[in-house]
Structure formats: structure tokens, C-alpha cells
Amino acid sequence: MTAGLIAAGFATPVLAQSCLQPAERTGIEVRALQSQLMVAALACNKTNDYNTFVTRYQRDLGEAYKAVTNHFKRVHGAVQGQKQLDIFITQLANAQSQDGIDQGSTFCQNVTPLFQQSLAQNTSMAQLASISMQSNVVVPYELDTCTGATAAPVRETPAATRRAAPSRARTASR
């Protein structure tokens, strides 16, 4: 029984360190939105819209990438962190591509509002993350946001309902 208490005591700090800090969650959401728009640019002939998005939000996209990089390095260390980041970026691109395939002929119609929302005004990085969450952009990374004074919003719909949704309403749980 004592061994169980000792093991539980050691597990708590590790779990606390592996949760997503609010800035990291924002970064992941922005990277997911960017990835979704990149797939749409290629699949839906929206290259000009994507280029406008990247140009307009170049600084924010860089900050998002830095936040995601920092998360993986914080959780896994420098060497393994880079490896896990590379895996995440690949999984994200694959998930976005698969989402487009799953939606079939409705993908371009469903994703066009993401461009419109993102380019409608000069939004902040937090607003881009909010667009990603509200649009239920696929994020193949299951990790809770750290709790604290300024915790980021968390998606509530389980991933299992994602494929069952008949419209653009797509979700992933955290």
C-alpha cells in the first residue's frame, strides 16, 4: 500500500508537467487551423486565400509554432521534444487531409467559412484559436489544458462523435 502511495506521489508532478499551458493550447489550435487551411488551399483551389492568411498572420503563426515547440520540449526534453514535435506536425497534416477525404465533395463548401472568418478582420492569435475551436478543426493530440487562474477553453465533445456528424461540425476532445 505504501508503494502505491509513493508511486502516486511521483505521478502527479509528471502529469502536471505534461498538460498544455494555455499559450500552448492556443498554439496548437492555431497550428490546426493553419494546417486545415493549407489542405483547403490545395484541395479547393484557395491558394491565394491561404497566402493572404499566412502573410497577414505571419507573426502569430510564428508565435503559435514557438508555443507548440516549447510544449514538446518542456514535456519531452530537447531531443525527444523535437522528435515528438515532428510526429505531431505529421499527424496533424495527415488528420487534416483525412478530414478532407472523409467530407468528400462537401469539404470545400465546409472549409470556405474558415477562410472568411480568418480573413474578415485583423484577428489576434487568441481569436484564430477560437475560430479553430468553434469550427471544431481536427486536432489529433489528446491532452488536457493545465488548470489555473487563466486556463484556456477546452472542447467538450468527444472525438467519437466527430465522424458521426453529418455537417462541418467536427470535434476532437481534450
N, C-alpha and C. Protein backbone atom coordinates (compact mmCIF):
# COMPACT_ATOMS: atom_id res chain seq x y z
N MET A 1 0.83 -1.19 0.00
CA MET A 1 0.00 0.00 0.00
C MET A 1 0.87 1.25 0.00
N THR A 2 1.97 1.21 0.74
CA THR A 2 2.88 2.35 0.78
C THR A 2 3.50 2.57 -0.59
N ALA A 3 3.84 1.51 -1.29
CA ALA A 3 4.43 1.64 -2.61
C ALA A 3 3.46 2.35 -3.56
N GLY A 4 2.16 2.03 -3.44
CA GLY A 4 1.15 2.68 -4.28
C GLY A 4 1.07 4.17 -3.99
N LEU A 5 1.15 4.55 -2.73
CA LEU A 5 1.12 5.96 -2.37
C LEU A 5 2.36 6.68 -2.87
N ILE A 6 3.50 6.04 -2.78
CA ILE A 6 4.74 6.64 -3.27
C ILE A 6 4.66 6.82 -4.78
N ALA A 7 4.19 5.79 -5.49
CA ALA A 7 4.09 5.88 -6.95
C ALA A 7 3.11 6.99 -7.34
N ALA A 8 2.00 7.08 -6.63
CA ALA A 8 1.03 8.13 -6.93
C ALA A 8 1.61 9.50 -6.69
N GLY A 9 2.42 9.63 -5.67
CA GLY A 9 3.06 10.90 -5.37
C GLY A 9 4.00 11.34 -6.46
N PHE A 10 4.69 10.40 -7.08
CA PHE A 10 5.61 10.75 -8.16
C PHE A 10 4.87 11.02 -9.46
N ALA A 11 3.72 10.41 -9.66
CA ALA A 11 3.00 10.56 -10.92
C ALA A 11 2.38 11.95 -11.06
N THR A 12 1.95 12.54 -9.97
CA THR A 12 1.27 13.83 -10.03
C THR A 12 2.11 14.92 -10.67
N PRO A 13 3.37 15.15 -10.27
CA PRO A 13 4.14 16.21 -10.92
C PRO A 13 4.36 15.94 -12.41
N VAL A 14 4.54 14.70 -12.79
CA VAL A 14 4.74 14.38 -14.20
C VAL A 14 3.49 14.73 -14.99
N LEU A 15 2.31 14.37 -14.46
CA LEU A 15 1.07 14.69 -15.15
C LEU A 15 0.88 16.19 -15.24
N ALA A 16 1.20 16.91 -14.21
CA ALA A 16 1.06 18.37 -14.22
C ALA A 16 1.98 18.99 -15.26
N GLN A 17 3.16 18.43 -15.44
CA GLN A 17 4.09 18.98 -16.42
C GLN A 17 3.68 18.67 -17.85
N SER A 18 2.91 17.60 -18.06
CA SER A 18 2.58 17.22 -19.43
C SER A 18 1.28 17.86 -19.94
N CYS A 19 0.55 18.53 -19.08
CA CYS A 19 -0.65 19.20 -19.57
C CYS A 19 -0.26 20.40 -20.42
N LEU A 20 -1.20 20.88 -21.19
CA LEU A 20 -0.96 22.03 -22.07
C LEU A 20 -1.17 23.33 -21.30
N GLN A 21 -0.16 24.18 -21.31
CA GLN A 21 -0.31 25.52 -20.78
C GLN A 21 -1.27 26.27 -21.71
N PRO A 22 -1.99 27.27 -21.23
CA PRO A 22 -2.93 27.98 -22.10
C PRO A 22 -2.30 28.50 -23.40
N ALA A 23 -1.10 29.03 -23.35
CA ALA A 23 -0.44 29.53 -24.57
C ALA A 23 -0.12 28.37 -25.52
N GLU A 24 0.19 27.20 -24.96
CA GLU A 24 0.47 26.02 -25.79
C GLU A 24 -0.81 25.54 -26.47
N ARG A 25 -1.91 25.54 -25.72
CA ARG A 25 -3.21 25.15 -26.29
C ARG A 25 -3.57 26.09 -27.44
N THR A 26 -3.39 27.38 -27.22
CA THR A 26 -3.66 28.37 -28.27
C THR A 26 -2.79 28.07 -29.49
N GLY A 27 -1.52 27.80 -29.27
CA GLY A 27 -0.61 27.49 -30.36
C GLY A 27 -1.04 26.28 -31.15
N ILE A 28 -1.45 25.24 -30.46
CA ILE A 28 -1.90 24.01 -31.13
C ILE A 28 -3.17 24.29 -31.94
N GLU A 29 -4.09 25.05 -31.39
CA GLU A 29 -5.31 25.37 -32.13
C GLU A 29 -5.00 26.19 -33.39
N VAL A 30 -4.09 27.15 -33.27
CA VAL A 30 -3.73 27.97 -34.43
C VAL A 30 -3.02 27.11 -35.48
N ARG A 31 -2.12 26.23 -35.04
CA ARG A 31 -1.44 25.33 -35.99
C ARG A 31 -2.46 24.43 -36.69
N ALA A 32 -3.48 23.96 -35.97
CA ALA A 32 -4.51 23.12 -36.57
C ALA A 32 -5.29 23.90 -37.62
N LEU A 33 -5.63 25.15 -37.31
CA LEU A 33 -6.34 25.99 -38.27
C LEU A 33 -5.48 26.21 -39.50
N GLN A 34 -4.21 26.53 -39.30
CA GLN A 34 -3.31 26.75 -40.44
C GLN A 34 -3.21 25.48 -41.30
N SER A 35 -3.10 24.34 -40.66
CA SER A 35 -2.99 23.09 -41.39
C SER A 35 -4.27 22.81 -42.19
N GLN A 36 -5.42 23.07 -41.57
CA GLN A 36 -6.70 22.87 -42.27
C GLN A 36 -6.79 23.78 -43.48
N LEU A 37 -6.37 25.02 -43.31
CA LEU A 37 -6.42 25.97 -44.43
C LEU A 37 -5.42 25.60 -45.52
N MET A 38 -4.29 25.02 -45.13
CA MET A 38 -3.31 24.59 -46.13
C MET A 38 -3.89 23.44 -46.98
N VAL A 39 -4.54 22.50 -46.33
CA VAL A 39 -5.18 21.40 -47.07
C VAL A 39 -6.26 21.97 -47.99
N ALA A 40 -7.02 22.92 -47.48
CA ALA A 40 -8.08 23.54 -48.30
C ALA A 40 -7.49 24.30 -49.48
N ALA A 41 -6.36 24.95 -49.25
CA ALA A 41 -5.72 25.68 -50.35
C ALA A 41 -5.39 24.75 -51.50
N LEU A 42 -4.90 23.57 -51.17
CA LEU A 42 -4.51 22.61 -52.19
C LEU A 42 -5.73 21.91 -52.81
N ALA A 43 -6.67 21.52 -51.97
CA ALA A 43 -7.81 20.73 -52.45
C ALA A 43 -8.91 21.57 -53.09
N CYS A 44 -8.99 22.84 -52.70
CA CYS A 44 -10.13 23.67 -53.11
C CYS A 44 -9.73 24.88 -53.94
N ASN A 45 -8.50 24.88 -54.42
CA ASN A 45 -8.00 25.99 -55.23
C ASN A 45 -8.14 27.33 -54.48
N LYS A 46 -7.69 27.33 -53.22
CA LYS A 46 -7.76 28.52 -52.36
C LYS A 46 -6.35 29.02 -52.03
N THR A 47 -5.43 28.83 -52.94
CA THR A 47 -4.04 29.20 -52.68
C THR A 47 -3.89 30.68 -52.37
N ASN A 48 -4.59 31.54 -53.10
CA ASN A 48 -4.50 32.97 -52.85
C ASN A 48 -5.00 33.32 -51.45
N ASP A 49 -6.11 32.71 -51.03
CA ASP A 49 -6.63 32.95 -49.68
C ASP A 49 -5.64 32.47 -48.63
N TYR A 50 -5.05 31.30 -48.86
CA TYR A 50 -4.08 30.77 -47.90
C TYR A 50 -2.85 31.68 -47.83
N ASN A 51 -2.37 32.12 -48.96
CA ASN A 51 -1.20 33.01 -48.96
C ASN A 51 -1.51 34.32 -48.24
N THR A 52 -2.72 34.84 -48.41
CA THR A 52 -3.13 36.05 -47.69
C THR A 52 -3.16 35.79 -46.19
N PHE A 53 -3.69 34.64 -45.81
CA PHE A 53 -3.75 34.25 -44.39
C PHE A 53 -2.34 34.18 -43.80
N VAL A 54 -1.44 33.49 -44.48
CA VAL A 54 -0.07 33.32 -43.97
C VAL A 54 0.66 34.67 -43.90
N THR A 55 0.47 35.49 -44.90
CA THR A 55 1.12 36.80 -44.90
C THR A 55 0.58 37.68 -43.78
N ARG A 56 -0.74 37.72 -43.65
CA ARG A 56 -1.36 38.57 -42.63
C ARG A 56 -0.99 38.13 -41.22
N TYR A 57 -0.90 36.84 -40.99
CA TYR A 57 -0.68 36.33 -39.63
C TYR A 57 0.70 35.71 -39.45
N GLN A 58 1.65 36.14 -40.25
CA GLN A 58 3.00 35.58 -40.18
C GLN A 58 3.56 35.59 -38.76
N ARG A 59 3.44 36.71 -38.08
CA ARG A 59 3.96 36.81 -36.71
C ARG A 59 3.20 35.87 -35.76
N ASP A 60 1.88 35.86 -35.86
CA ASP A 60 1.07 34.99 -35.00
C ASP A 60 1.34 33.51 -35.27
N LEU A 61 1.50 33.16 -36.53
CA LEU A 61 1.79 31.77 -36.87
C LEU A 61 3.16 31.36 -36.33
N GLY A 62 4.11 32.28 -36.37
CA GLY A 62 5.42 32.02 -35.79
C GLY A 62 5.34 31.84 -34.28
N GLU A 63 4.53 32.67 -33.62
CA GLU A 63 4.34 32.53 -32.17
C GLU A 63 3.65 31.22 -31.83
N ALA A 64 2.69 30.83 -32.65
CA ALA A 64 1.98 29.56 -32.42
C ALA A 64 2.95 28.39 -32.54
N TYR A 65 3.78 28.42 -33.57
CA TYR A 65 4.76 27.35 -33.76
C TYR A 65 5.73 27.30 -32.58
N LYS A 66 6.14 28.46 -32.12
CA LYS A 66 7.06 28.52 -30.97
C LYS A 66 6.40 27.95 -29.71
N ALA A 67 5.13 28.26 -29.50
CA ALA A 67 4.41 27.74 -28.33
C ALA A 67 4.29 26.22 -28.40
N VAL A 68 4.00 25.69 -29.58
CA VAL A 68 3.89 24.23 -29.76
C VAL A 68 5.26 23.59 -29.54
N THR A 69 6.29 24.18 -30.11
CA THR A 69 7.66 23.68 -29.93
C THR A 69 8.04 23.67 -28.46
N ASN A 70 7.73 24.76 -27.77
CA ASN A 70 8.05 24.85 -26.34
C ASN A 70 7.33 23.77 -25.54
N HIS A 71 6.10 23.48 -25.92
CA HIS A 71 5.36 22.42 -25.21
C HIS A 71 6.08 21.08 -25.32
N PHE A 72 6.42 20.70 -26.54
CA PHE A 72 7.06 19.39 -26.72
C PHE A 72 8.44 19.33 -26.07
N LYS A 73 9.17 20.41 -26.11
CA LYS A 73 10.48 20.43 -25.44
C LYS A 73 10.33 20.41 -23.93
N ARG A 74 9.33 21.11 -23.41
CA ARG A 74 9.08 21.12 -21.96
C ARG A 74 8.69 19.73 -21.46
N VAL A 75 7.85 19.06 -22.22
CA VAL A 75 7.34 17.76 -21.79
C VAL A 75 8.33 16.63 -22.05
N HIS A 76 9.05 16.69 -23.18
CA HIS A 76 9.88 15.56 -23.61
C HIS A 76 11.38 15.83 -23.60
N GLY A 77 11.80 17.05 -23.30
CA GLY A 77 13.22 17.39 -23.39
C GLY A 77 13.56 17.83 -24.80
N ALA A 78 14.77 18.35 -24.97
CA ALA A 78 15.16 18.95 -26.26
C ALA A 78 15.15 17.96 -27.42
N VAL A 79 15.82 16.85 -27.27
CA VAL A 79 15.96 15.90 -28.39
C VAL A 79 14.63 15.18 -28.65
N GLN A 80 14.06 14.56 -27.64
CA GLN A 80 12.79 13.86 -27.82
C GLN A 80 11.66 14.84 -28.12
N GLY A 81 11.77 16.06 -27.59
CA GLY A 81 10.76 17.07 -27.87
C GLY A 81 10.69 17.39 -29.35
N GLN A 82 11.85 17.52 -30.00
CA GLN A 82 11.87 17.79 -31.43
C GLN A 82 11.29 16.61 -32.20
N LYS A 83 11.61 15.40 -31.77
CA LYS A 83 11.07 14.21 -32.43
C LYS A 83 9.55 14.16 -32.28
N GLN A 84 9.04 14.43 -31.07
CA GLN A 84 7.60 14.41 -30.83
C GLN A 84 6.89 15.55 -31.57
N LEU A 85 7.56 16.70 -31.69
CA LEU A 85 7.00 17.81 -32.46
C LEU A 85 6.86 17.40 -33.93
N ASP A 86 7.89 16.79 -34.48
CA ASP A 86 7.84 16.33 -35.87
C ASP A 86 6.71 15.33 -36.08
N ILE A 87 6.55 14.42 -35.13
CA ILE A 87 5.47 13.43 -35.21
C ILE A 87 4.12 14.13 -35.17
N PHE A 88 3.98 15.10 -34.26
CA PHE A 88 2.72 15.84 -34.14
C PHE A 88 2.38 16.57 -35.44
N ILE A 89 3.36 17.28 -36.01
CA ILE A 89 3.12 18.04 -37.24
C ILE A 89 2.69 17.10 -38.37
N THR A 90 3.32 15.93 -38.45
CA THR A 90 2.95 14.94 -39.46
C THR A 90 1.54 14.41 -39.21
N GLN A 91 1.24 14.08 -37.95
CA GLN A 91 -0.09 13.58 -37.62
C GLN A 91 -1.16 14.64 -37.89
N LEU A 92 -0.84 15.90 -37.61
CA LEU A 92 -1.77 16.98 -37.85
C LEU A 92 -2.09 17.09 -39.34
N ALA A 93 -1.06 17.09 -40.17
CA ALA A 93 -1.27 17.17 -41.62
C ALA A 93 -2.06 15.97 -42.13
N ASN A 94 -1.74 14.78 -41.63
CA ASN A 94 -2.47 13.58 -42.05
C ASN A 94 -3.93 13.64 -41.61
N ALA A 95 -4.17 14.11 -40.39
CA ALA A 95 -5.54 14.20 -39.87
C ALA A 95 -6.35 15.21 -40.68
N GLN A 96 -5.73 16.34 -41.03
CA GLN A 96 -6.43 17.35 -41.82
C GLN A 96 -6.75 16.81 -43.21
N SER A 97 -5.80 16.13 -43.80
CA SER A 97 -6.01 15.54 -45.12
C SER A 97 -7.11 14.48 -45.07
N GLN A 98 -7.08 13.63 -44.05
CA GLN A 98 -8.10 12.60 -43.91
C GLN A 98 -9.48 13.23 -43.68
N ASP A 99 -9.52 14.33 -42.95
CA ASP A 99 -10.78 15.03 -42.72
C ASP A 99 -11.37 15.48 -44.07
N GLY A 100 -10.52 16.02 -44.92
CA GLY A 100 -10.97 16.43 -46.25
C GLY A 100 -11.50 15.26 -47.06
N ILE A 101 -10.79 14.14 -46.99
CA ILE A 101 -11.23 12.93 -47.70
C ILE A 101 -12.56 12.45 -47.15
N ASP A 102 -12.68 12.45 -45.82
CA ASP A 102 -13.93 11.99 -45.19
C ASP A 102 -15.12 12.84 -45.58
N GLN A 103 -14.90 14.14 -45.73
CA GLN A 103 -16.00 15.04 -46.09
C GLN A 103 -16.36 14.95 -47.57
N GLY A 104 -15.43 14.45 -48.36
CA GLY A 104 -15.70 14.26 -49.78
C GLY A 104 -16.03 15.56 -50.49
N SER A 105 -17.08 15.53 -51.28
CA SER A 105 -17.42 16.67 -52.12
C SER A 105 -17.89 17.89 -51.34
N THR A 106 -18.18 17.74 -50.06
CA THR A 106 -18.62 18.89 -49.26
C THR A 106 -17.47 19.61 -48.57
N PHE A 107 -16.26 19.07 -48.66
CA PHE A 107 -15.12 19.65 -47.94
C PHE A 107 -14.91 21.12 -48.29
N CYS A 108 -14.83 21.44 -49.55
CA CYS A 108 -14.54 22.83 -49.95
C CYS A 108 -15.65 23.77 -49.48
N GLN A 109 -16.88 23.34 -49.60
CA GLN A 109 -18.00 24.15 -49.12
C GLN A 109 -17.92 24.34 -47.60
N ASN A 110 -17.53 23.31 -46.89
CA ASN A 110 -17.44 23.38 -45.43
C ASN A 110 -16.28 24.22 -44.93
N VAL A 111 -15.17 24.21 -45.66
CA VAL A 111 -13.97 24.88 -45.18
C VAL A 111 -13.89 26.35 -45.60
N THR A 112 -14.64 26.75 -46.61
CA THR A 112 -14.62 28.15 -47.07
C THR A 112 -14.90 29.15 -45.96
N PRO A 113 -15.86 28.89 -45.06
CA PRO A 113 -16.09 29.85 -43.98
C PRO A 113 -14.86 30.06 -43.07
N LEU A 114 -13.98 29.07 -42.97
CA LEU A 114 -12.77 29.25 -42.17
C LEU A 114 -11.90 30.36 -42.76
N PHE A 115 -11.78 30.39 -44.07
CA PHE A 115 -11.04 31.46 -44.71
C PHE A 115 -11.74 32.79 -44.46
N GLN A 116 -13.05 32.80 -44.65
CA GLN A 116 -13.81 34.04 -44.49
C GLN A 116 -13.69 34.58 -43.07
N GLN A 117 -13.82 33.71 -42.07
CA GLN A 117 -13.71 34.14 -40.68
C GLN A 117 -12.31 34.63 -40.35
N SER A 118 -11.32 33.91 -40.83
CA SER A 118 -9.93 34.24 -40.52
C SER A 118 -9.49 35.54 -41.19
N LEU A 119 -10.01 35.80 -42.37
CA LEU A 119 -9.58 36.97 -43.13
C LEU A 119 -10.54 38.15 -43.03
N ALA A 120 -11.66 37.98 -42.34
CA ALA A 120 -12.67 39.04 -42.25
C ALA A 120 -12.16 40.29 -41.57
N GLN A 121 -11.29 40.11 -40.61
CA GLN A 121 -10.74 41.24 -39.87
C GLN A 121 -9.34 40.89 -39.43
N ASN A 122 -8.67 41.82 -38.87
CA ASN A 122 -7.32 41.58 -38.38
C ASN A 122 -7.42 40.98 -36.98
N THR A 123 -7.61 39.67 -36.92
CA THR A 123 -7.83 38.99 -35.65
C THR A 123 -6.51 38.70 -34.95
N SER A 124 -6.60 38.44 -33.66
CA SER A 124 -5.43 38.09 -32.86
C SER A 124 -5.22 36.58 -32.88
N MET A 125 -4.10 36.16 -32.32
CA MET A 125 -3.80 34.74 -32.23
C MET A 125 -4.87 34.03 -31.41
N ALA A 126 -5.32 34.64 -30.33
CA ALA A 126 -6.37 34.04 -29.50
C ALA A 126 -7.67 33.90 -30.29
N GLN A 127 -7.98 34.86 -31.15
CA GLN A 127 -9.18 34.78 -31.96
C GLN A 127 -9.06 33.69 -33.02
N LEU A 128 -7.86 33.53 -33.58
CA LEU A 128 -7.64 32.43 -34.53
C LEU A 128 -7.84 31.09 -33.84
N ALA A 129 -7.33 30.95 -32.62
CA ALA A 129 -7.53 29.71 -31.86
C ALA A 129 -9.01 29.49 -31.60
N SER A 130 -9.73 30.55 -31.30
CA SER A 130 -11.17 30.45 -31.06
C SER A 130 -11.90 30.00 -32.33
N ILE A 131 -11.51 30.53 -33.48
CA ILE A 131 -12.11 30.11 -34.75
C ILE A 131 -11.87 28.61 -34.95
N SER A 132 -10.66 28.17 -34.65
CA SER A 132 -10.32 26.75 -34.78
C SER A 132 -11.21 25.90 -33.89
N MET A 133 -11.36 26.32 -32.64
CA MET A 133 -12.18 25.55 -31.69
C MET A 133 -13.65 25.58 -32.06
N GLN A 134 -14.17 26.76 -32.38
CA GLN A 134 -15.59 26.89 -32.72
C GLN A 134 -15.94 26.11 -33.99
N SER A 135 -14.98 26.00 -34.88
CA SER A 135 -15.20 25.26 -36.13
C SER A 135 -14.87 23.78 -35.98
N ASN A 136 -14.43 23.41 -34.79
CA ASN A 136 -14.08 22.02 -34.49
C ASN A 136 -13.06 21.46 -35.47
N VAL A 137 -12.03 22.25 -35.74
CA VAL A 137 -10.95 21.79 -36.59
C VAL A 137 -10.27 20.61 -35.91
N VAL A 138 -9.95 19.59 -36.67
CA VAL A 138 -9.36 18.37 -36.14
C VAL A 138 -8.00 18.66 -35.50
N VAL A 139 -7.83 18.15 -34.29
CA VAL A 139 -6.55 18.22 -33.58
C VAL A 139 -6.25 16.82 -33.04
N PRO A 140 -5.30 16.11 -33.63
CA PRO A 140 -5.02 14.74 -33.20
C PRO A 140 -4.06 14.68 -32.01
N TYR A 141 -4.37 15.44 -30.98
CA TYR A 141 -3.49 15.48 -29.81
C TYR A 141 -4.37 15.58 -28.58
N GLU A 142 -4.40 14.52 -27.82
CA GLU A 142 -5.28 14.42 -26.66
C GLU A 142 -4.50 14.77 -25.40
N LEU A 143 -4.68 15.96 -24.89
CA LEU A 143 -4.03 16.37 -23.66
C LEU A 143 -4.84 17.50 -23.05
N ASP A 144 -5.11 17.41 -21.77
CA ASP A 144 -5.87 18.44 -21.10
C ASP A 144 -5.08 19.73 -20.96
N THR A 145 -5.80 20.83 -20.91
CA THR A 145 -5.18 22.12 -20.62
C THR A 145 -4.96 22.20 -19.12
N CYS A 146 -3.80 22.70 -18.73
CA CYS A 146 -3.48 22.85 -17.32
C CYS A 146 -4.52 23.74 -16.66
N THR A 147 -4.91 23.39 -15.48
CA THR A 147 -5.85 24.23 -14.75
C THR A 147 -5.08 25.30 -14.01
N GLY A 148 -5.70 26.42 -13.85
CA GLY A 148 -5.05 27.53 -13.18
C GLY A 148 -5.90 28.77 -13.32
N ALA A 149 -5.33 29.89 -12.95
CA ALA A 149 -6.06 31.14 -12.94
C ALA A 149 -6.55 31.54 -14.34
N THR A 150 -5.75 31.27 -15.37
CA THR A 150 -6.14 31.66 -16.73
C THR A 150 -6.08 30.45 -17.66
N ALA A 151 -6.94 29.50 -17.41
CA ALA A 151 -6.97 28.30 -18.25
C ALA A 151 -7.67 28.60 -19.56
N ALA A 152 -7.21 27.98 -20.62
CA ALA A 152 -7.80 28.15 -21.94
C ALA A 152 -9.08 27.32 -22.03
N PRO A 153 -9.99 27.69 -22.93
CA PRO A 153 -11.20 26.89 -23.11
C PRO A 153 -10.85 25.50 -23.61
N VAL A 154 -11.70 24.56 -23.26
CA VAL A 154 -11.48 23.17 -23.63
C VAL A 154 -12.68 22.68 -24.41
N ARG A 155 -12.44 21.95 -25.47
CA ARG A 155 -13.54 21.35 -26.23
C ARG A 155 -14.19 20.29 -25.38
N GLU A 156 -15.49 20.17 -25.50
CA GLU A 156 -16.21 19.22 -24.65
C GLU A 156 -16.72 18.00 -25.38
N THR A 157 -16.86 18.05 -26.68
CA THR A 157 -17.44 16.96 -27.43
C THR A 157 -16.39 15.87 -27.67
N PRO A 158 -16.70 14.62 -27.34
CA PRO A 158 -15.73 13.54 -27.54
C PRO A 158 -15.41 13.31 -29.01
N ALA A 159 -14.21 12.81 -29.25
CA ALA A 159 -13.74 12.56 -30.61
C ALA A 159 -14.62 11.54 -31.33
N ALA A 160 -15.22 10.64 -30.59
CA ALA A 160 -16.04 9.59 -31.21
C ALA A 160 -17.22 10.17 -31.99
N THR A 161 -17.70 11.34 -31.60
CA THR A 161 -18.85 11.92 -32.30
C THR A 161 -18.42 12.65 -33.56
N ARG A 162 -17.15 12.85 -33.73
CA ARG A 162 -16.61 13.59 -34.85
C ARG A 162 -16.99 13.00 -36.19
N ARG A 163 -16.79 11.73 -36.35
CA ARG A 163 -17.04 11.07 -37.63
C ARG A 163 -18.54 10.92 -37.88
N ALA A 164 -19.35 10.92 -36.82
CA ALA A 164 -20.78 10.72 -36.97
C ALA A 164 -21.50 12.00 -37.39
N ALA A 165 -20.86 13.14 -37.24
CA ALA A 165 -21.51 14.42 -37.54
C ALA A 165 -21.76 14.54 -39.04
N PRO A 166 -22.99 14.90 -39.44
CA PRO A 166 -23.31 14.98 -40.86
C PRO A 166 -22.82 16.26 -41.52
N SER A 167 -22.55 17.29 -40.75
CA SER A 167 -22.14 18.57 -41.33
C SER A 167 -20.70 18.89 -40.97
N ARG A 168 -20.34 20.14 -41.11
CA ARG A 168 -18.98 20.59 -40.82
C ARG A 168 -18.65 20.50 -39.33
N ALA A 169 -19.62 20.30 -38.49
CA ALA A 169 -19.39 20.24 -37.05
C ALA A 169 -18.50 19.04 -36.74
N ARG A 170 -17.25 19.29 -36.61
CA ARG A 170 -16.24 18.26 -36.35
C ARG A 170 -15.56 18.58 -35.04
N THR A 171 -15.30 17.58 -34.20
CA THR A 171 -14.68 17.85 -32.92
C THR A 171 -13.59 16.87 -32.58
N ALA A 172 -12.79 17.25 -31.63
CA ALA A 172 -11.81 16.38 -31.00
C ALA A 172 -11.79 16.74 -29.54
N SER A 173 -11.72 15.78 -28.67
CA SER A 173 -11.74 16.08 -27.24
C SER A 173 -10.37 16.44 -26.75
N ARG A 174 -10.34 17.04 -25.59
CA ARG A 174 -9.08 17.39 -24.94
C ARG A 174 -9.01 16.73 -23.59
